[in-house]
């Protein structure tokens, strides 16, 4: 996957993508911000950044800011985590995230 460049046109978004383009940074972030009960179930060594280009049934393309998967300890079960960066308040973020989940 090519490394994102910082864009002067969208500096907040570019900065977010540049920082979280690294699995170690994602791992550190999740270890700090996820609830304790979930953290102790996750195998952080299995975190993998996923392709963020998705297509729904109507062939409309979506680009998630960041999507990762991670296995739970002692199982083949994976969880998927979507990061959606916003540099402004957006009332429709939950609907947008739900749409991403349905598309995935």
PDB file of N, CA and C in Angstrom:
ATOM      1  N   UNK A   1       0.851  -1.166   0.000  1.00  0.00           N
ATOM      2  CA  UNK A   1       0.000   0.000   0.000  1.00  0.00           C
ATOM      3  C   UNK A   1       0.903   1.236   0.000  1.00  0.00           C
ATOM      4  N   UNK A   2       0.688   2.200  -0.903  1.00  0.00           N
ATOM      5  CA  UNK A   2       1.539   3.394  -0.919  1.00  0.00           C
ATOM      6  C   UNK A   2       1.321   4.242   0.331  1.00  0.00           C
ATOM      7  N   UNK A   3       2.389   4.858   0.779  1.00  0.00           N
ATOM      8  CA  UNK A   3       2.333   5.711   1.963  1.00  0.00           C
ATOM      9  C   UNK A   3       1.616   7.016   1.607  1.00  0.00           C
ATOM     10  N   UNK A   4       0.659   7.453   2.438  1.00  0.00           N
ATOM     11  CA  UNK A   4      -0.037   8.703   2.146  1.00  0.00           C
ATOM     12  C   UNK A   4       0.885   9.902   2.332  1.00  0.00           C
ATOM     13  N   UNK A   5       0.667  10.884   1.534  1.00  0.00           N
ATOM     14  CA  UNK A   5       1.414  12.131   1.634  1.00  0.00           C
ATOM     15  C   UNK A   5       0.551  13.165   2.344  1.00  0.00           C
ATOM     16  N   UNK A   6       1.181  14.103   3.003  1.00  0.00           N
ATOM     17  CA  UNK A   6       0.435  15.178   3.649  1.00  0.00           C
ATOM     18  C   UNK A   6       0.006  16.165   2.561  1.00  0.00           C
ATOM     19  N   UNK A   7      -1.281  16.417   2.505  1.00  0.00           N
ATOM     20  CA  UNK A   7      -1.834  17.317   1.500  1.00  0.00           C
ATOM     21  C   UNK A   7      -2.154  18.667   2.135  1.00  0.00           C
ATOM     22  N   UNK A   8      -1.761  19.719   1.467  1.00  0.00           N
ATOM     23  CA  UNK A   8      -2.085  21.056   1.974  1.00  0.00           C
ATOM     24  C   UNK A   8      -3.564  21.365   1.794  1.00  0.00           C
ATOM     25  N   UNK A   9      -4.186  20.677   0.864  1.00  0.00           N
ATOM     26  CA  UNK A   9      -5.608  20.885   0.620  1.00  0.00           C
ATOM     27  C   UNK A   9      -6.460  20.308   1.753  1.00  0.00           C
ATOM     28  N   UNK A  10      -6.046  19.169   2.314  1.00  0.00           N
ATOM     29  CA  UNK A  10      -6.762  18.503   3.408  1.00  0.00           C
ATOM     30  C   UNK A  10      -5.766  18.113   4.502  1.00  0.00           C
ATOM     31  N   UNK A  11      -5.190  19.079   5.190  1.00  0.00           N
ATOM     32  CA  UNK A  11      -4.108  18.756   6.132  1.00  0.00           C
ATOM     33  C   UNK A  11      -4.524  17.866   7.295  1.00  0.00           C
ATOM     34  N   UNK A  12      -5.736  18.053   7.847  1.00  0.00           N
ATOM     35  CA  UNK A  12      -6.159  17.226   8.979  1.00  0.00           C
ATOM     36  C   UNK A  12      -6.310  15.772   8.567  1.00  0.00           C
ATOM     37  N   UNK A  13      -6.962  15.564   7.462  1.00  0.00           N
ATOM     38  CA  UNK A  13      -7.173  14.209   6.959  1.00  0.00           C
ATOM     39  C   UNK A  13      -5.837  13.557   6.591  1.00  0.00           C
ATOM     40  N   UNK A  14      -4.984  14.290   5.931  1.00  0.00           N
ATOM     41  CA  UNK A  14      -3.676  13.760   5.527  1.00  0.00           C
ATOM     42  C   UNK A  14      -2.828  13.395   6.735  1.00  0.00           C
ATOM     43  N   UNK A  15      -2.849  14.250   7.742  1.00  0.00           N
ATOM     44  CA  UNK A  15      -2.083  13.983   8.956  1.00  0.00           C
ATOM     45  C   UNK A  15      -2.589  12.708   9.632  1.00  0.00           C
ATOM     46  N   UNK A  16      -3.905  12.592   9.767  1.00  0.00           N
ATOM     47  CA  UNK A  16      -4.512  11.395  10.355  1.00  0.00           C
ATOM     48  C   UNK A  16      -4.062  10.142   9.613  1.00  0.00           C
ATOM     49  N   UNK A  17      -4.175  10.156   8.300  1.00  0.00           N
ATOM     50  CA  UNK A  17      -3.835   8.975   7.504  1.00  0.00           C
ATOM     51  C   UNK A  17      -2.341   8.665   7.557  1.00  0.00           C
ATOM     52  N   UNK A  18      -1.527   9.675   7.627  1.00  0.00           N
ATOM     53  CA  UNK A  18      -0.080   9.472   7.706  1.00  0.00           C
ATOM     54  C   UNK A  18       0.298   8.807   9.038  1.00  0.00           C
ATOM     55  N   UNK A  19      -0.277   9.276  10.132  1.00  0.00           N
ATOM     56  CA  UNK A  19       0.021   8.715  11.452  1.00  0.00           C
ATOM     57  C   UNK A  19      -0.492   7.283  11.558  1.00  0.00           C
ATOM     58  N   UNK A  20      -1.706   7.042  11.109  1.00  0.00           N
ATOM     59  CA  UNK A  20      -2.324   5.732  11.273  1.00  0.00           C
ATOM     60  C   UNK A  20      -2.085   4.795  10.096  1.00  0.00           C
ATOM     61  N   UNK A  21      -1.134   5.125   9.269  1.00  0.00           N
ATOM     62  CA  UNK A  21      -0.720   4.221   8.204  1.00  0.00           C
ATOM     63  C   UNK A  21       0.285   3.191   8.738  1.00  0.00           C
ATOM     64  N   UNK A  22       0.543   3.260  10.009  1.00  0.00           N
ATOM     65  CA  UNK A  22       1.526   2.408  10.658  1.00  0.00           C
ATOM     66  C   UNK A  22       0.815   1.517  11.679  1.00  0.00           C
ATOM     67  N   UNK A  23       0.949   0.206  11.523  1.00  0.00           N
ATOM     68  CA  UNK A  23       0.245  -0.715  12.421  1.00  0.00           C
ATOM     69  C   UNK A  23       0.674  -0.558  13.877  1.00  0.00           C
ATOM     70  N   UNK A  24       1.907  -0.188  14.105  1.00  0.00           N
ATOM     71  CA  UNK A  24       2.371   0.027  15.480  1.00  0.00           C
ATOM     72  C   UNK A  24       1.646   1.213  16.127  1.00  0.00           C
ATOM     73  N   UNK A  25       1.420   2.267  15.368  1.00  0.00           N
ATOM     74  CA  UNK A  25       0.676   3.420  15.888  1.00  0.00           C
ATOM     75  C   UNK A  25      -0.773   3.043  16.200  1.00  0.00           C
ATOM     76  N   UNK A  26      -1.365   2.245  15.336  1.00  0.00           N
ATOM     77  CA  UNK A  26      -2.735   1.783  15.571  1.00  0.00           C
ATOM     78  C   UNK A  26      -2.787   0.937  16.837  1.00  0.00           C
ATOM     79  N   UNK A  27      -1.855   0.030  16.958  1.00  0.00           N
ATOM     80  CA  UNK A  27      -1.776  -0.847  18.131  1.00  0.00           C
ATOM     81  C   UNK A  27      -1.669  -0.013  19.414  1.00  0.00           C
ATOM     82  N   UNK A  28      -0.783   0.970  19.405  1.00  0.00           N
ATOM     83  CA  UNK A  28      -0.604   1.830  20.586  1.00  0.00           C
ATOM     84  C   UNK A  28      -1.884   2.605  20.901  1.00  0.00           C
ATOM     85  N   UNK A  29      -2.519   3.135  19.884  1.00  0.00           N
ATOM     86  CA  UNK A  29      -3.755   3.892  20.076  1.00  0.00           C
ATOM     87  C   UNK A  29      -4.840   3.006  20.702  1.00  0.00           C
ATOM     88  N   UNK A  30      -5.018   1.822  20.156  1.00  0.00           N
ATOM     89  CA  UNK A  30      -6.057   0.924  20.659  1.00  0.00           C
ATOM     90  C   UNK A  30      -5.766   0.468  22.084  1.00  0.00           C
ATOM     91  N   UNK A  31      -4.517   0.236  22.397  1.00  0.00           N
ATOM     92  CA  UNK A  31      -4.157  -0.174  23.753  1.00  0.00           C
ATOM     93  C   UNK A  31      -4.487   0.903  24.782  1.00  0.00           C
ATOM     94  N   UNK A  32      -4.451   2.144  24.361  1.00  0.00           N
ATOM     95  CA  UNK A  32      -4.759   3.245  25.277  1.00  0.00           C
ATOM     96  C   UNK A  32      -6.265   3.490  25.362  1.00  0.00           C
ATOM     97  N   UNK A  33      -6.980   3.425  24.237  1.00  0.00           N
ATOM     98  CA  UNK A  33      -8.360   3.911  24.210  1.00  0.00           C
ATOM     99  C   UNK A  33      -9.462   2.849  24.221  1.00  0.00           C
ATOM    100  N   UNK A  34      -9.146   1.609  23.960  1.00  0.00           N
ATOM    101  CA  UNK A  34     -10.195   0.592  24.022  1.00  0.00           C
ATOM    102  C   UNK A  34     -10.513   0.245  25.473  1.00  0.00           C
ATOM    103  N   UNK A  35     -11.738  -0.202  25.737  1.00  0.00           N
ATOM    104  CA  UNK A  35     -12.080  -0.638  27.091  1.00  0.00           C
ATOM    105  C   UNK A  35     -11.209  -1.825  27.525  1.00  0.00           C
ATOM    106  N   UNK A  36     -10.909  -1.898  28.812  1.00  0.00           N
ATOM    107  CA  UNK A  36     -10.031  -2.951  29.360  1.00  0.00           C
ATOM    108  C   UNK A  36     -10.495  -4.354  28.984  1.00  0.00           C
ATOM    109  N   UNK A  37     -11.782  -4.603  29.106  1.00  0.00           N
ATOM    110  CA  UNK A  37     -12.308  -5.945  28.828  1.00  0.00           C
ATOM    111  C   UNK A  37     -12.047  -6.377  27.392  1.00  0.00           C
ATOM    112  N   UNK A  38     -12.144  -5.445  26.468  1.00  0.00           N
ATOM    113  CA  UNK A  38     -11.887  -5.772  25.068  1.00  0.00           C
ATOM    114  C   UNK A  38     -10.382  -5.924  24.818  1.00  0.00           C
ATOM    115  N   UNK A  39      -9.587  -5.043  25.397  1.00  0.00           N
ATOM    116  CA  UNK A  39      -8.129  -5.103  25.199  1.00  0.00           C
ATOM    117  C   UNK A  39      -7.549  -6.453  25.615  1.00  0.00           C
ATOM    118  N   UNK A  40      -8.027  -6.982  26.715  1.00  0.00           N
ATOM    119  CA  UNK A  40      -7.439  -8.234  27.186  1.00  0.00           C
ATOM    120  C   UNK A  40      -7.840  -9.427  26.319  1.00  0.00           C
ATOM    121  N   UNK A  41      -8.835  -9.257  25.467  1.00  0.00           N
ATOM    122  CA  UNK A  41      -9.266 -10.332  24.561  1.00  0.00           C
ATOM    123  C   UNK A  41      -8.582 -10.273  23.198  1.00  0.00           C
ATOM    124  N   UNK A  42      -7.930  -9.159  22.900  1.00  0.00           N
ATOM    125  CA  UNK A  42      -7.376  -8.954  21.559  1.00  0.00           C
ATOM    126  C   UNK A  42      -5.930  -9.422  21.453  1.00  0.00           C
ATOM    127  N   UNK A  43      -5.603  -9.992  20.310  1.00  0.00           N
ATOM    128  CA  UNK A  43      -4.222 -10.330  19.997  1.00  0.00           C
ATOM    129  C   UNK A  43      -3.677  -9.194  19.130  1.00  0.00           C
ATOM    130  N   UNK A  44      -3.066  -8.218  19.761  1.00  0.00           N
ATOM    131  CA  UNK A  44      -2.621  -7.013  19.065  1.00  0.00           C
ATOM    132  C   UNK A  44      -1.541  -7.289  18.019  1.00  0.00           C
ATOM    133  N   UNK A  45      -0.912  -8.449  18.100  1.00  0.00           N
ATOM    134  CA  UNK A  45       0.113  -8.790  17.101  1.00  0.00           C
ATOM    135  C   UNK A  45      -0.494  -9.158  15.754  1.00  0.00           C
ATOM    136  N   UNK A  46      -1.804  -9.327  15.708  1.00  0.00           N
ATOM    137  CA  UNK A  46      -2.460  -9.710  14.449  1.00  0.00           C
ATOM    138  C   UNK A  46      -3.127  -8.525  13.744  1.00  0.00           C
ATOM    139  N   UNK A  47      -2.939  -7.324  14.252  1.00  0.00           N
ATOM    140  CA  UNK A  47      -3.555  -6.150  13.614  1.00  0.00           C
ATOM    141  C   UNK A  47      -3.050  -6.017  12.186  1.00  0.00           C
ATOM    142  N   UNK A  48      -4.006  -5.823  11.284  1.00  0.00           N
ATOM    143  CA  UNK A  48      -3.672  -5.683   9.875  1.00  0.00           C
ATOM    144  C   UNK A  48      -4.506  -4.546   9.278  1.00  0.00           C
ATOM    145  N   UNK A  49      -3.844  -3.649   8.576  1.00  0.00           N
ATOM    146  CA  UNK A  49      -4.534  -2.552   7.883  1.00  0.00           C
ATOM    147  C   UNK A  49      -5.186  -3.132   6.629  1.00  0.00           C
ATOM    148  N   UNK A  50      -6.453  -2.793   6.424  1.00  0.00           N
ATOM    149  CA  UNK A  50      -7.211  -3.325   5.291  1.00  0.00           C
ATOM    150  C   UNK A  50      -7.349  -2.292   4.178  1.00  0.00           C
ATOM    151  N   UNK A  51      -7.633  -2.797   3.006  1.00  0.00           N
ATOM    152  CA  UNK A  51      -7.940  -1.920   1.875  1.00  0.00           C
ATOM    153  C   UNK A  51      -9.191  -1.124   2.224  1.00  0.00           C
ATOM    154  N   UNK A  52      -9.151   0.177   2.041  1.00  0.00           N
ATOM    155  CA  UNK A  52     -10.285   1.015   2.452  1.00  0.00           C
ATOM    156  C   UNK A  52     -11.230   1.371   1.314  1.00  0.00           C
ATOM    157  N   UNK A  53     -10.998   0.843   0.145  1.00  0.00           N
ATOM    158  CA  UNK A  53     -11.927   1.078  -0.964  1.00  0.00           C
ATOM    159  C   UNK A  53     -12.960  -0.039  -0.958  1.00  0.00           C
ATOM    160  N   UNK A  54     -14.220   0.327  -0.783  1.00  0.00           N
ATOM    161  CA  UNK A  54     -15.309  -0.652  -0.737  1.00  0.00           C
ATOM    162  C   UNK A  54     -16.369  -0.263  -1.757  1.00  0.00           C
ATOM    163  N   UNK A  55     -17.140  -1.252  -2.156  1.00  0.00           N
ATOM    164  CA  UNK A  55     -18.200  -1.010  -3.141  1.00  0.00           C
ATOM    165  C   UNK A  55     -19.482  -1.661  -2.633  1.00  0.00           C
ATOM    166  N   UNK A  56     -20.589  -0.916  -2.702  1.00  0.00           N
ATOM    167  CA  UNK A  56     -21.854  -1.494  -2.246  1.00  0.00           C
ATOM    168  C   UNK A  56     -22.545  -2.229  -3.397  1.00  0.00           C
ATOM    169  N   UNK A  57     -23.750  -2.738  -3.122  1.00  0.00           N
ATOM    170  CA  UNK A  57     -24.484  -3.517  -4.122  1.00  0.00           C
ATOM    171  C   UNK A  57     -24.859  -2.699  -5.351  1.00  0.00           C
ATOM    172  N   UNK A  58     -24.941  -1.387  -5.189  1.00  0.00           N
ATOM    173  CA  UNK A  58     -25.266  -0.513  -6.323  1.00  0.00           C
ATOM    174  C   UNK A  58     -24.000  -0.043  -7.036  1.00  0.00           C
ATOM    175  N   UNK A  59     -22.873  -0.659  -6.694  1.00  0.00           N
ATOM    176  CA  UNK A  59     -21.571  -0.370  -7.303  1.00  0.00           C
ATOM    177  C   UNK A  59     -21.085   1.050  -7.037  1.00  0.00           C
ATOM    178  N   UNK A  60     -21.544   1.594  -5.936  1.00  0.00           N
ATOM    179  CA  UNK A  60     -21.045   2.898  -5.523  1.00  0.00           C
ATOM    180  C   UNK A  60     -19.818   2.670  -4.637  1.00  0.00           C
ATOM    181  N   UNK A  61     -18.727   3.399  -4.921  1.00  0.00           N
ATOM    182  CA  UNK A  61     -17.491   3.211  -4.162  1.00  0.00           C
ATOM    183  C   UNK A  61     -17.472   4.106  -2.930  1.00  0.00           C
ATOM    184  N   UNK A  62     -16.915   3.544  -1.858  1.00  0.00           N
ATOM    185  CA  UNK A  62     -16.715   4.262  -0.604  1.00  0.00           C
ATOM    186  C   UNK A  62     -15.254   4.135  -0.218  1.00  0.00           C
ATOM    187  N   UNK A  63     -14.733   5.164   0.391  1.00  0.00           N
ATOM    188  CA  UNK A  63     -13.367   5.141   0.876  1.00  0.00           C
ATOM    189  C   UNK A  63     -13.381   5.436   2.371  1.00  0.00           C
ATOM    190  N   UNK A  64     -13.125   4.414   3.146  1.00  0.00           N
ATOM    191  CA  UNK A  64     -13.057   4.586   4.585  1.00  0.00           C
ATOM    192  C   UNK A  64     -11.720   5.246   4.917  1.00  0.00           C
ATOM    193  N   UNK A  65     -11.692   6.010   5.998  1.00  0.00           N
ATOM    194  CA  UNK A  65     -10.419   6.614   6.386  1.00  0.00           C
ATOM    195  C   UNK A  65      -9.407   5.548   6.781  1.00  0.00           C
ATOM    196  N   UNK A  66      -9.854   4.615   7.600  1.00  0.00           N
ATOM    197  CA  UNK A  66      -8.955   3.549   8.029  1.00  0.00           C
ATOM    198  C   UNK A  66      -9.781   2.371   8.517  1.00  0.00           C
ATOM    199  N   UNK A  67      -9.371   1.194   8.137  1.00  0.00           N
ATOM    200  CA  UNK A  67     -10.037  -0.021   8.589  1.00  0.00           C
ATOM    201  C   UNK A  67      -8.960  -1.048   8.922  1.00  0.00           C
ATOM    202  N   UNK A  68      -9.128  -1.713  10.070  1.00  0.00           N
ATOM    203  CA  UNK A  68      -8.181  -2.746  10.472  1.00  0.00           C
ATOM    204  C   UNK A  68      -8.944  -3.966  10.947  1.00  0.00           C
ATOM    205  N   UNK A  69      -8.275  -5.106  10.893  1.00  0.00           N
ATOM    206  CA  UNK A  69      -8.844  -6.268  11.564  1.00  0.00           C
ATOM    207  C   UNK A  69      -7.822  -6.793  12.560  1.00  0.00           C
ATOM    208  N   UNK A  70      -8.329  -7.559  13.505  1.00  0.00           N
ATOM    209  CA  UNK A  70      -7.503  -8.083  14.576  1.00  0.00           C
ATOM    210  C   UNK A  70      -8.168  -9.349  15.102  1.00  0.00           C
ATOM    211  N   UNK A  71      -7.376 -10.371  15.363  1.00  0.00           N
ATOM    212  CA  UNK A  71      -7.936 -11.605  15.911  1.00  0.00           C
ATOM    213  C   UNK A  71      -8.095 -11.480  17.427  1.00  0.00           C
ATOM    214  N   UNK A  72      -9.066 -12.207  17.919  1.00  0.00           N
ATOM    215  CA  UNK A  72      -9.208 -12.336  19.359  1.00  0.00           C
ATOM    216  C   UNK A  72      -8.291 -13.473  19.807  1.00  0.00           C
ATOM    217  N   UNK A  73      -7.788 -13.374  21.023  1.00  0.00           N
ATOM    218  CA  UNK A  73      -6.841 -14.371  21.536  1.00  0.00           C
ATOM    219  C   UNK A  73      -7.460 -15.763  21.533  1.00  0.00           C
ATOM    220  N   UNK A  74      -6.622 -16.753  21.214  1.00  0.00           N
ATOM    221  CA  UNK A  74      -6.998 -18.164  21.276  1.00  0.00           C
ATOM    222  C   UNK A  74      -8.229 -18.519  20.445  1.00  0.00           C
ATOM    223  N   UNK A  75      -8.421 -17.824  19.346  1.00  0.00           N
ATOM    224  CA  UNK A  75      -9.559 -18.097  18.476  1.00  0.00           C
ATOM    225  C   UNK A  75      -9.245 -17.605  17.067  1.00  0.00           C
ATOM    226  N   UNK A  76     -10.039 -18.019  16.107  1.00  0.00           N
ATOM    227  CA  UNK A  76      -9.908 -17.501  14.738  1.00  0.00           C
ATOM    228  C   UNK A  76     -10.867 -16.339  14.489  1.00  0.00           C
ATOM    229  N   UNK A  77     -11.556 -15.927  15.517  1.00  0.00           N
ATOM    230  CA  UNK A  77     -12.517 -14.833  15.391  1.00  0.00           C
ATOM    231  C   UNK A  77     -11.778 -13.516  15.192  1.00  0.00           C
ATOM    232  N   UNK A  78     -12.250 -12.756  14.207  1.00  0.00           N
ATOM    233  CA  UNK A  78     -11.666 -11.440  13.940  1.00  0.00           C
ATOM    234  C   UNK A  78     -12.668 -10.356  14.289  1.00  0.00           C
ATOM    235  N   UNK A  79     -12.138  -9.230  14.693  1.00  0.00           N
ATOM    236  CA  UNK A  79     -12.977  -8.045  14.827  1.00  0.00           C
ATOM    237  C   UNK A  79     -12.454  -7.019  13.829  1.00  0.00           C
ATOM    238  N   UNK A  80     -13.356  -6.197  13.366  1.00  0.00           N
ATOM    239  CA  UNK A  80     -13.011  -5.151  12.414  1.00  0.00           C
ATOM    240  C   UNK A  80     -13.240  -3.809  13.089  1.00  0.00           C
ATOM    241  N   UNK A  81     -12.295  -2.916  12.888  1.00  0.00           N
ATOM    242  CA  UNK A  81     -12.381  -1.593  13.494  1.00  0.00           C
ATOM    243  C   UNK A  81     -12.272  -0.559  12.380  1.00  0.00           C
ATOM    244  N   UNK A  82     -13.222   0.350  12.377  1.00  0.00           N
ATOM    245  CA  UNK A  82     -13.234   1.423  11.384  1.00  0.00           C
ATOM    246  C   UNK A  82     -12.921   2.736  12.096  1.00  0.00           C
ATOM    247  N   UNK A  83     -11.967   3.464  11.571  1.00  0.00           N
ATOM    248  CA  UNK A  83     -11.644   4.798  12.057  1.00  0.00           C
ATOM    249  C   UNK A  83     -12.174   5.789  11.018  1.00  0.00           C
ATOM    250  N   UNK A  84     -12.972   6.703  11.451  1.00  0.00           N
ATOM    251  CA  UNK A  84     -13.497   7.725  10.543  1.00  0.00           C
ATOM    252  C   UNK A  84     -13.126   9.081  11.121  1.00  0.00           C
ATOM    253  N   UNK A  85     -12.158   9.714  10.510  1.00  0.00           N
ATOM    254  CA  UNK A  85     -11.680  11.008  10.984  1.00  0.00           C
ATOM    255  C   UNK A  85     -12.581  12.128  10.477  1.00  0.00           C
ATOM    256  N   UNK A  86     -12.928  13.026  11.360  1.00  0.00           N
ATOM    257  CA  UNK A  86     -13.714  14.212  10.979  1.00  0.00           C
ATOM    258  C   UNK A  86     -13.013  15.454  11.536  1.00  0.00           C
ATOM    259  N   UNK A  87     -12.843  16.432  10.709  1.00  0.00           N
ATOM    260  CA  UNK A  87     -12.256  17.687  11.177  1.00  0.00           C
ATOM    261  C   UNK A  87     -13.356  18.708  11.481  1.00  0.00           C
ATOM    262  N   UNK A  88     -14.595  18.248  11.429  1.00  0.00           N
ATOM    263  CA  UNK A  88     -15.743  19.105  11.737  1.00  0.00           C
ATOM    264  C   UNK A  88     -16.848  18.213  12.311  1.00  0.00           C
ATOM    265  N   UNK A  89     -17.785  18.803  12.990  1.00  0.00           N
ATOM    266  CA  UNK A  89     -18.912  18.044  13.543  1.00  0.00           C
ATOM    267  C   UNK A  89     -19.851  17.650  12.405  1.00  0.00           C
ATOM    268  N   UNK A  90     -20.169  16.381  12.338  1.00  0.00           N
ATOM    269  CA  UNK A  90     -21.039  15.876  11.281  1.00  0.00           C
ATOM    270  C   UNK A  90     -22.118  15.005  11.930  1.00  0.00           C
ATOM    271  N   UNK A  91     -23.357  15.448  11.864  1.00  0.00           N
ATOM    272  CA  UNK A  91     -24.468  14.724  12.485  1.00  0.00           C
ATOM    273  C   UNK A  91     -24.717  13.358  11.856  1.00  0.00           C
ATOM    274  N   UNK A  92     -24.224  13.154  10.649  1.00  0.00           N
ATOM    275  CA  UNK A  92     -24.501  11.909   9.929  1.00  0.00           C
ATOM    276  C   UNK A  92     -23.376  10.878  10.027  1.00  0.00           C
ATOM    277  N   UNK A  93     -22.427  11.107  10.904  1.00  0.00           N
ATOM    278  CA  UNK A  93     -21.298  10.184  11.016  1.00  0.00           C
ATOM    279  C   UNK A  93     -21.737   8.768  11.370  1.00  0.00           C
ATOM    280  N   UNK A  94     -22.683   8.625  12.288  1.00  0.00           N
ATOM    281  CA  UNK A  94     -23.134   7.281  12.657  1.00  0.00           C
ATOM    282  C   UNK A  94     -23.800   6.564  11.477  1.00  0.00           C
ATOM    283  N   UNK A  95     -24.576   7.303  10.705  1.00  0.00           N
ATOM    284  CA  UNK A  95     -25.210   6.718   9.513  1.00  0.00           C
ATOM    285  C   UNK A  95     -24.133   6.333   8.501  1.00  0.00           C
ATOM    286  N   UNK A  96     -23.156   7.187   8.328  1.00  0.00           N
ATOM    287  CA  UNK A  96     -22.057   6.901   7.408  1.00  0.00           C
ATOM    288  C   UNK A  96     -21.304   5.642   7.851  1.00  0.00           C
ATOM    289  N   UNK A  97     -21.028   5.520   9.125  1.00  0.00           N
ATOM    290  CA  UNK A  97     -20.318   4.359   9.646  1.00  0.00           C
ATOM    291  C   UNK A  97     -21.158   3.087   9.496  1.00  0.00           C
ATOM    292  N   UNK A  98     -22.436   3.188   9.754  1.00  0.00           N
ATOM    293  CA  UNK A  98     -23.330   2.039   9.560  1.00  0.00           C
ATOM    294  C   UNK A  98     -23.319   1.610   8.090  1.00  0.00           C
ATOM    295  N   UNK A  99     -23.356   2.552   7.202  1.00  0.00           N
ATOM    296  CA  UNK A  99     -23.302   2.243   5.764  1.00  0.00           C
ATOM    297  C   UNK A  99     -21.995   1.529   5.419  1.00  0.00           C
ATOM    298  N   UNK A 100     -20.882   1.963   5.989  1.00  0.00           N
ATOM    299  CA  UNK A 100     -19.609   1.278   5.773  1.00  0.00           C
ATOM    300  C   UNK A 100     -19.684  -0.166   6.260  1.00  0.00           C
ATOM    301  N   UNK A 101     -20.259  -0.353   7.439  1.00  0.00           N
ATOM    302  CA  UNK A 101     -20.375  -1.703   8.003  1.00  0.00           C
ATOM    303  C   UNK A 101     -21.199  -2.608   7.091  1.00  0.00           C
ATOM    304  N   UNK A 102     -22.274  -2.087   6.563  1.00  0.00           N
ATOM    305  CA  UNK A 102     -23.113  -2.873   5.662  1.00  0.00           C
ATOM    306  C   UNK A 102     -22.389  -3.169   4.347  1.00  0.00           C
ATOM    307  N   UNK A 103     -21.581  -2.231   3.897  1.00  0.00           N
ATOM    308  CA  UNK A 103     -20.826  -2.409   2.656  1.00  0.00           C
ATOM    309  C   UNK A 103     -19.741  -3.461   2.823  1.00  0.00           C
ATOM    310  N   UNK A 104     -19.096  -3.442   3.980  1.00  0.00           N
ATOM    311  CA  UNK A 104     -18.030  -4.411   4.236  1.00  0.00           C
ATOM    312  C   UNK A 104     -18.622  -5.790   4.323  1.00  0.00           C
TER     313      UNK A 104
END
